[in-house]
Protein backbone atom coordinates (compact mmCIF):
# COMPACT_ATOMS: atom_id res chain seq x y z
CA MET A 1 0.00 0.00 0.00
CA GLU A 2 1.08 3.58 -0.63
CA THR A 3 1.96 5.42 2.58
CA VAL A 4 3.52 8.68 1.38
CA LYS A 5 2.33 11.73 3.31
CA THR A 6 0.66 14.21 0.97
CA ASP A 7 0.55 18.01 0.96
CA PHE A 8 -3.14 17.73 1.82
CA VAL A 9 -2.28 15.88 5.03
CA ASP A 10 0.27 18.59 5.87
CA ALA A 11 -2.50 21.18 5.48
CA ILE A 12 -4.79 19.20 7.80
CA LEU A 13 -2.03 18.85 10.40
CA GLU A 14 -1.35 22.59 10.28
CA LEU A 15 -4.98 23.25 11.19
CA LEU A 16 -4.98 20.68 13.98
CA GLU A 17 -1.82 22.11 15.54
CA ARG A 18 -3.43 25.50 16.12
CA GLU A 19 -4.43 26.25 19.70
CA VAL A 20 -7.75 24.60 20.46
CA LYS A 21 -10.55 25.78 22.75
CA PRO A 22 -13.16 23.36 24.12
CA ILE A 23 -16.79 24.03 23.22
CA ALA A 24 -19.98 23.40 25.19
CA ASP A 25 -20.74 20.23 23.18
CA TYR A 26 -18.89 17.24 24.66
CA GLY A 27 -20.28 14.58 22.34
CA LEU A 28 -18.77 12.30 19.72
CA TYR A 29 -20.20 13.64 16.46
CA LYS A 30 -19.94 17.41 16.83
CA GLY A 31 -18.24 17.92 20.18
CA ASN A 32 -14.98 17.68 22.07
CA MET A 33 -14.95 13.88 22.42
CA GLY A 34 -14.92 13.32 18.68
CA MET A 35 -11.90 15.57 18.27
CA VAL A 36 -10.17 13.92 21.25
CA LEU A 37 -10.31 10.69 19.25
CA VAL A 38 -8.95 12.42 16.16
CA TYR A 39 -6.09 14.09 18.04
CA HIS A 40 -4.99 10.84 19.69
CA LEU A 41 -4.94 9.06 16.33
CA VAL A 42 -2.94 11.89 14.74
CA GLN A 43 -0.52 11.85 17.67
CA LYS A 44 0.03 8.13 17.15
CA CYS A 45 0.82 8.59 13.45
CA TYR A 46 2.49 12.03 13.46
CA PRO A 47 3.72 12.84 17.01
CA SER A 48 3.70 16.54 17.87
CA THR A 49 3.78 18.49 21.12
CA HIS A 50 1.02 20.77 19.77
CA ILE A 51 -1.22 17.82 18.88
CA GLU A 52 -0.58 16.21 22.27
CA LYS A 53 -1.42 19.43 24.13
CA ASN A 54 -4.66 19.91 22.20
CA ALA A 55 -5.67 16.32 22.88
CA GLU A 56 -5.12 16.85 26.62
CA ILE A 57 -7.11 20.11 26.64
CA LEU A 58 -10.13 18.55 24.99
CA LEU A 59 -9.98 15.33 27.02
CA ASP A 60 -9.81 17.31 30.26
CA SER A 61 -12.90 19.26 29.22
CA VAL A 62 -14.83 16.02 28.69
CA ALA A 63 -13.58 14.45 31.93
CA GLU A 64 -14.67 17.50 33.94
CA GLN A 65 -18.22 17.26 32.59
CA LEU A 66 -18.60 13.47 32.34
CA THR A 67 -21.01 13.12 35.25
CA GLU A 68 -23.02 16.18 34.17
CA ILE A 69 -23.80 15.09 30.60
CA ARG A 70 -27.50 14.20 30.47
CA GLY A 71 -28.02 12.76 27.01
CA ILE A 72 -27.35 9.06 26.53
CA ASN A 73 -27.37 8.73 22.74
CA TYR A 74 -24.40 7.94 20.53
CA ALA A 75 -24.17 11.19 18.58
CA SER A 76 -23.93 13.65 21.46
CA GLY A 77 -24.45 11.75 24.69
CA ARG A 78 -22.92 9.19 27.01
CA ALA A 79 -23.03 6.20 24.66
CA GLY A 80 -20.79 7.89 22.08
CA ILE A 81 -18.44 9.36 24.69
CA GLY A 82 -18.15 6.01 26.46
CA TRP A 83 -17.58 4.17 23.19
CA ALA A 84 -14.75 6.54 22.21
CA ILE A 85 -13.03 6.20 25.60
CA GLU A 86 -13.30 2.41 25.47
CA TRP A 87 -12.07 2.33 21.87
CA MET A 88 -9.01 4.43 22.70
CA ALA A 89 -8.22 2.32 25.76
CA GLN A 90 -8.43 -0.92 23.78
CA HIS A 91 -6.07 0.49 21.14
CA GLN A 92 -3.50 1.84 23.61
CA LEU A 93 -4.32 5.49 23.02
CA LEU A 94 -5.42 5.97 26.64
CA GLU A 95 -4.06 4.31 29.77
CA VAL A 96 -7.16 3.96 31.91
CA ASN A 97 -9.27 1.31 33.60
CA THR A 98 -12.52 1.78 31.72
CA ASP A 99 -14.53 -0.27 34.22
CA ASP A 100 -13.77 2.40 36.81
CA LEU A 101 -14.12 5.41 34.52
CA LEU A 102 -17.25 4.26 32.68
CA GLN A 103 -19.14 2.58 35.53
CA GLY A 104 -21.56 5.49 35.82
CA ILE A 105 -22.21 5.54 32.07
CA ASP A 106 -22.72 1.76 32.06
CA ASP A 107 -25.30 2.01 34.81
CA VAL A 108 -27.28 4.88 33.28
CA ILE A 109 -27.46 3.32 29.82
CA TYR A 110 -28.21 -0.12 31.30
CA ARG A 111 -31.30 1.27 33.05
CA GLU A 112 -32.38 2.98 29.85
CA VAL A 113 -32.04 -0.25 27.84
CA ILE A 114 -33.96 -2.33 30.38
CA TYR A 115 -36.76 0.10 31.15
CA ALA A 116 -37.18 2.42 28.16
CA GLU A 117 -37.34 1.15 24.60
CA ASP A 118 -35.87 3.41 21.92
CA LYS A 119 -38.14 4.96 19.32
CA SER A 120 -35.76 4.14 16.45
CA PHE A 121 -33.05 1.64 15.57
CA THR A 122 -30.60 4.28 14.33
CA LEU A 123 -26.96 4.78 15.29
CA ALA A 124 -27.05 8.45 16.28
CA ASN A 125 -30.15 8.43 18.47
CA GLY A 126 -31.46 4.88 18.73
CA SER A 127 -30.87 1.29 19.74
CA LEU A 128 -27.92 0.76 17.39
CA GLY A 129 -25.80 3.40 19.13
CA LYS A 130 -26.32 1.68 22.48
CA LEU A 131 -25.53 -1.71 20.92
CA VAL A 132 -22.25 -0.36 19.52
CA PHE A 133 -21.39 1.03 22.97
CA PHE A 134 -22.12 -2.15 24.92
CA LEU A 135 -20.38 -4.35 22.35
CA LYS A 136 -17.23 -2.28 22.77
CA ARG A 137 -17.56 -2.42 26.56
CA TYR A 138 -18.10 -6.19 26.43
CA LYS A 139 -14.72 -6.52 24.70
CA SER A 140 -12.86 -4.39 27.24
CA VAL A 141 -9.39 -5.54 28.28
CA ASN A 142 -9.40 -4.40 31.91
CA PHE A 143 -7.76 -6.52 34.58
CA GLN A 144 -10.28 -8.67 36.47
CA THR A 145 -13.53 -7.15 35.25
CA HIS A 146 -16.22 -8.09 37.78
CA ARG A 147 -18.44 -10.98 36.73
CA LEU A 148 -21.59 -8.93 37.23
CA ARG A 149 -20.24 -6.20 34.96
CA ASN A 150 -19.80 -8.76 32.19
CA ILE A 151 -23.29 -10.09 32.78
CA CYS A 152 -24.68 -6.55 32.54
CA HIS A 153 -22.97 -6.03 29.18
CA GLN A 154 -24.16 -9.40 27.84
CA GLU A 155 -27.72 -8.73 28.98
CA CYS A 156 -27.76 -5.40 27.18
CA LEU A 157 -26.42 -7.02 24.00
CA VAL A 158 -29.27 -9.53 24.08
CA PHE A 159 -31.90 -6.86 24.78
CA LEU A 160 -30.60 -4.54 22.06
CA THR A 161 -30.22 -7.17 19.34
CA ASP A 162 -33.79 -8.26 20.11
CA GLU A 163 -34.97 -4.65 19.96
CA ILE A 164 -33.24 -3.87 16.66
CA LYS A 165 -34.60 -7.01 15.01
CA MET A 166 -38.08 -6.16 16.23
CA LYS A 167 -37.83 -2.62 14.83
CA LEU A 168 -36.53 -3.86 11.49
CA LEU A 169 -38.59 -7.00 10.97
CA ASP A 170 -41.22 -7.84 13.58
CA GLY A 171 -42.70 -4.75 15.24
CA LYS A 172 -45.85 -2.74 14.53
CA ASN A 173 -44.05 -0.78 11.81
CA PRO A 174 -41.09 -2.94 10.70
CA ARG A 175 -38.72 -0.60 8.93
CA LEU A 176 -37.52 -3.14 6.34
CA LYS A 177 -41.12 -3.47 5.17
CA ALA A 178 -41.84 0.26 5.15
CA THR A 179 -41.94 2.54 2.12
CA ASP A 180 -40.88 5.68 3.97
CA LEU A 181 -37.34 4.82 5.12
CA SER A 182 -35.33 7.97 5.71
CA GLN A 183 -31.85 8.35 4.25
CA GLU A 184 -30.44 8.12 7.78
CA GLU A 185 -32.18 4.78 8.28
CA LEU A 186 -30.95 3.46 4.93
CA SER A 187 -27.40 4.52 5.70
CA ASP A 188 -27.54 2.97 9.17
CA LEU A 189 -28.44 -0.43 7.72
CA ALA A 190 -24.73 -0.64 6.93
CA MET A 191 -23.88 -0.40 10.62
CA VAL A 192 -26.66 -2.84 11.52
CA VAL A 193 -25.03 -5.53 9.38
CA ILE A 194 -21.46 -4.76 10.43
CA THR A 195 -22.31 -4.53 14.15
CA MET A 196 -24.46 -7.66 14.11
CA THR A 197 -21.57 -9.51 12.44
CA LYS A 198 -19.37 -8.54 15.39
CA VAL A 199 -22.04 -9.66 17.86
CA GLN A 200 -22.17 -12.92 15.91
CA THR A 201 -18.45 -13.53 16.52
CA ALA A 202 -19.08 -13.00 20.24
CA CYS A 203 -21.64 -15.86 20.07
CA ILE A 204 -24.43 -13.82 21.68
CA ASN A 205 -28.10 -14.34 20.70
CA LEU A 206 -26.83 -16.26 17.67
CA ASN A 207 -30.02 -17.43 15.96
CA LEU A 208 -31.63 -14.01 16.12
CA VAL A 209 -28.43 -12.24 15.05
CA ASP A 210 -27.92 -14.63 12.11
CA ASN A 211 -31.48 -14.01 10.95
CA CYS A 212 -31.12 -10.24 11.30
CA ILE A 213 -27.93 -10.23 9.19
CA GLU A 214 -29.49 -12.37 6.46
CA GLU A 215 -32.73 -10.37 6.28
CA THR A 216 -30.99 -7.01 6.32
CA MET A 217 -28.51 -8.10 3.66
CA ALA A 218 -31.36 -9.40 1.50
CA PHE A 219 -33.07 -6.00 1.82
CA ILE A 220 -29.86 -4.13 0.92
CA LEU A 221 -29.18 -6.33 -2.10
CA GLN A 222 -32.74 -5.94 -3.38
CA LEU A 223 -32.49 -2.18 -2.89
CA LEU A 224 -29.23 -1.99 -4.83
CA LYS A 225 -30.73 -4.13 -7.59
CA GLU A 226 -33.82 -1.92 -7.94
CA ARG A 227 -32.18 1.50 -7.70
CA THR A 228 -30.19 1.41 -10.89
CA THR A 229 -30.22 5.20 -11.14
CA CYS A 230 -30.06 7.84 -8.41
CA SER A 231 -31.84 11.18 -8.42
CA THR A 232 -29.35 12.96 -6.14
CA LEU A 233 -25.71 12.72 -5.21
CA ALA A 234 -26.74 12.17 -1.57
CA GLU A 235 -28.66 9.08 -2.63
CA SER A 236 -25.67 7.79 -4.61
CA ILE A 237 -23.40 8.23 -1.57
CA CYS A 238 -25.87 6.40 0.66
CA LEU A 239 -26.13 3.47 -1.75
CA LEU A 240 -22.35 3.41 -2.25
CA LYS A 241 -21.98 2.99 1.51
CA LEU A 242 -24.41 0.06 1.39
CA ALA A 243 -22.59 -1.50 -1.57
CA TYR A 244 -19.30 -1.19 0.31
CA THR A 245 -20.95 -2.91 3.27
CA VAL A 246 -21.91 -5.86 1.05
CA VAL A 247 -18.28 -6.17 -0.07
CA TYR A 248 -16.95 -5.88 3.48
CA THR A 249 -19.45 -8.31 4.99
CA GLY A 250 -18.83 -10.81 2.20
CA GLN A 251 -15.13 -10.70 3.07
CA GLN A 252 -15.76 -11.07 6.80
CA GLN A 253 -18.21 -13.95 6.28
CA HIS A 254 -16.04 -15.59 3.59
CA PHE A 255 -19.04 -15.43 1.24
CA SER A 256 -17.78 -14.65 -2.25
CA HIS A 257 -21.29 -14.17 -3.67
CA TRP A 258 -21.92 -11.14 -1.46
CA ARG A 259 -18.42 -9.79 -2.05
CA ASN A 260 -18.73 -10.04 -5.84
CA LEU A 261 -22.25 -8.59 -5.93
CA GLY A 262 -21.13 -5.71 -3.76
CA ALA A 263 -18.16 -5.00 -6.01
CA THR A 264 -20.47 -4.90 -9.04
CA TYR A 265 -22.82 -2.42 -7.38
CA VAL A 266 -19.88 -0.26 -6.28
CA GLN A 267 -18.73 0.11 -9.88
CA GLN A 268 -22.27 0.86 -11.11
CA LEU A 269 -22.71 3.58 -8.50
CA LEU A 270 -19.29 5.14 -9.08
CA ALA A 271 -20.18 5.56 -12.75
CA GLN A 272 -23.16 7.73 -11.75
CA ILE A 273 -21.42 10.07 -9.35
CA ASP A 274 -20.97 13.63 -10.60
CA GLU A 275 -18.31 14.98 -8.25
CA GLU A 276 -18.45 18.48 -9.72
CA LYS A 277 -21.82 19.07 -8.03
CA ALA A 278 -20.72 17.83 -4.61
CA THR A 279 -21.05 20.05 -1.54
CA ASN A 280 -18.26 20.22 1.03
CA THR A 281 -20.06 17.64 3.18
CA GLU A 282 -20.59 15.31 0.22
CA ARG A 283 -16.92 15.61 -0.72
CA VAL A 284 -15.93 14.56 2.79
CA GLN A 285 -18.33 11.60 2.64
CA LEU A 286 -16.94 10.51 -0.72
CA ALA A 287 -13.37 10.88 0.51
CA LEU A 288 -13.97 8.51 3.41
CA LEU A 289 -15.77 5.98 1.17
CA TYR A 290 -12.87 6.06 -1.30
CA SER A 291 -10.52 5.43 1.64
CA LEU A 292 -12.61 2.45 2.74
CA LEU A 293 -12.65 1.02 -0.77
CA TYR A 294 -8.88 1.45 -1.07
CA ILE A 295 -8.28 -0.30 2.26
CA ASN A 296 -10.34 -3.27 1.08
CA THR A 297 -9.10 -3.53 -2.51
CA GLU A 298 -5.66 -1.84 -2.48
CA ASP A 299 -6.66 -0.43 -5.86
CA VAL A 300 -4.88 2.92 -6.24
CA ILE A 301 -7.71 4.23 -8.41
CA TYR A 302 -9.52 5.03 -5.16
CA LEU A 303 -6.58 7.12 -3.94
CA HIS A 304 -6.69 9.05 -7.20
CA LYS A 305 -10.45 9.53 -6.93
CA ARG A 306 -10.06 10.76 -3.37
CA ALA A 307 -7.31 13.17 -4.39
CA ALA A 308 -9.62 14.59 -7.06
CA ILE A 309 -12.62 14.97 -4.75
CA VAL A 310 -10.70 16.75 -1.97
CA GLU A 311 -9.31 19.35 -4.37
CA GLY A 312 -12.62 21.13 -4.09
CA ILE A 313 -12.67 21.15 -0.27
CA MET A 314 -11.88 24.36 1.54
CA LEU A 315 -10.35 23.01 4.76
CA GLU A 316 -10.80 26.26 6.62
CA GLU A 317 -14.55 26.05 6.00
CA LEU A 318 -14.97 22.53 7.33
CA PRO A 319 -16.60 22.27 10.77
CA PHE A 320 -14.11 21.45 13.52
CA GLU A 321 -15.87 18.19 14.41
CA LEU A 322 -15.75 14.46 13.76
CA LYS A 323 -18.94 13.71 11.81
CA ASN A 324 -18.77 15.09 8.25
CA GLY A 325 -16.09 17.56 9.32
CA LEU A 326 -12.34 17.98 9.57
CA GLY A 327 -12.18 15.07 12.02
CA ILE A 328 -13.48 12.29 9.78
CA LEU A 329 -11.55 13.66 6.79
CA THR A 330 -8.36 13.45 8.86
CA ILE A 331 -9.13 9.83 9.76
CA ALA A 332 -9.81 9.03 6.08
CA PHE A 333 -6.25 10.08 5.22
CA LEU A 334 -4.65 8.44 8.25
CA ALA A 335 -6.35 5.19 7.26
CA THR A 336 -4.54 4.95 3.93
CA GLU A 337 -1.19 6.34 5.06
CA HIS A 338 -1.02 4.20 8.21
CA PRO A 339 -3.21 1.18 7.37
CA HIS A 340 -1.99 -0.94 10.28
CA ALA A 341 -2.28 1.71 12.98
CA ALA A 342 -5.97 1.02 13.76
CA PRO A 343 -9.05 -0.88 12.53
CA TRP A 344 -10.06 2.06 10.39
CA GLU A 345 -13.37 0.67 9.09
CA GLU A 346 -14.78 0.91 12.60
CA LEU A 347 -14.00 4.63 12.71
CA LEU A 348 -14.88 5.61 9.15
CA LEU A 349 -18.39 4.19 9.48
CA ILE A 350 -19.19 6.21 12.63
């Protein structure tokens, strides 16, 4: 793989090295926690005293407010913050016992899972975000995690996989049988499949999880088959993410039929994309998808396509945040320049 640092990366690093000031949002998508994750990854790949200082400033701001944050969702609340802390600890970016640090978050989200069903299955604000959090906590590497803590995590994984399957397939308004799926819901089907595949390897709620993966993949494949043309670039990007998911899941499941079908749909969708009309946000989304495709195929055409799409991005105008901002764009470039530094797919599909 090519790992040469580009001028574009230098420009990103110059922005990140400027003095940072915490904001009142402490969440993962648009707040301080998301940029803490970005700064720690940059520090691992391109060590700098400025980057290290900024990471400490933002992390301190989150730590000071951790017990005061009321929301529990993944995008801006405790689930996303807890997931990021656990992820960094498991990948040696933070030296911390997460059972101690995240006990309060565990307990609050546990009660929410047991006593209050989510209204949606989505990642940002629904059941899927909590599932991603508890799956990461279940795989923690702390010394002598208490047996009851493990049981709590397992119980939540069972509850949440049940809940997501019900919302997708079995409830009063099963979303995979609906005609009014939002673009957010369609996009999040990618994370449903990928997350359920990880739950599957943990051997939790296996029959239900297997069925959910198969049914969701069948829906995605039928959708990709039917939507041969897209009316907007946003729709093309959403479907490209789903096609990538088919490729990725086929590789993980050692199922060549899915992998080959996904690759075919990727090429069909790429042929439709008119990059000249892309907004800044759409250019960022395409850049991260091209990075994902390069990681999986090692085809340098995706590096060239990414280089072309980012030419139109004004870095100074990008929001200083993880989701669809400077943060995820930085990770998209780190992923191809330092492919072995982290499991990048997990971060690029946030």
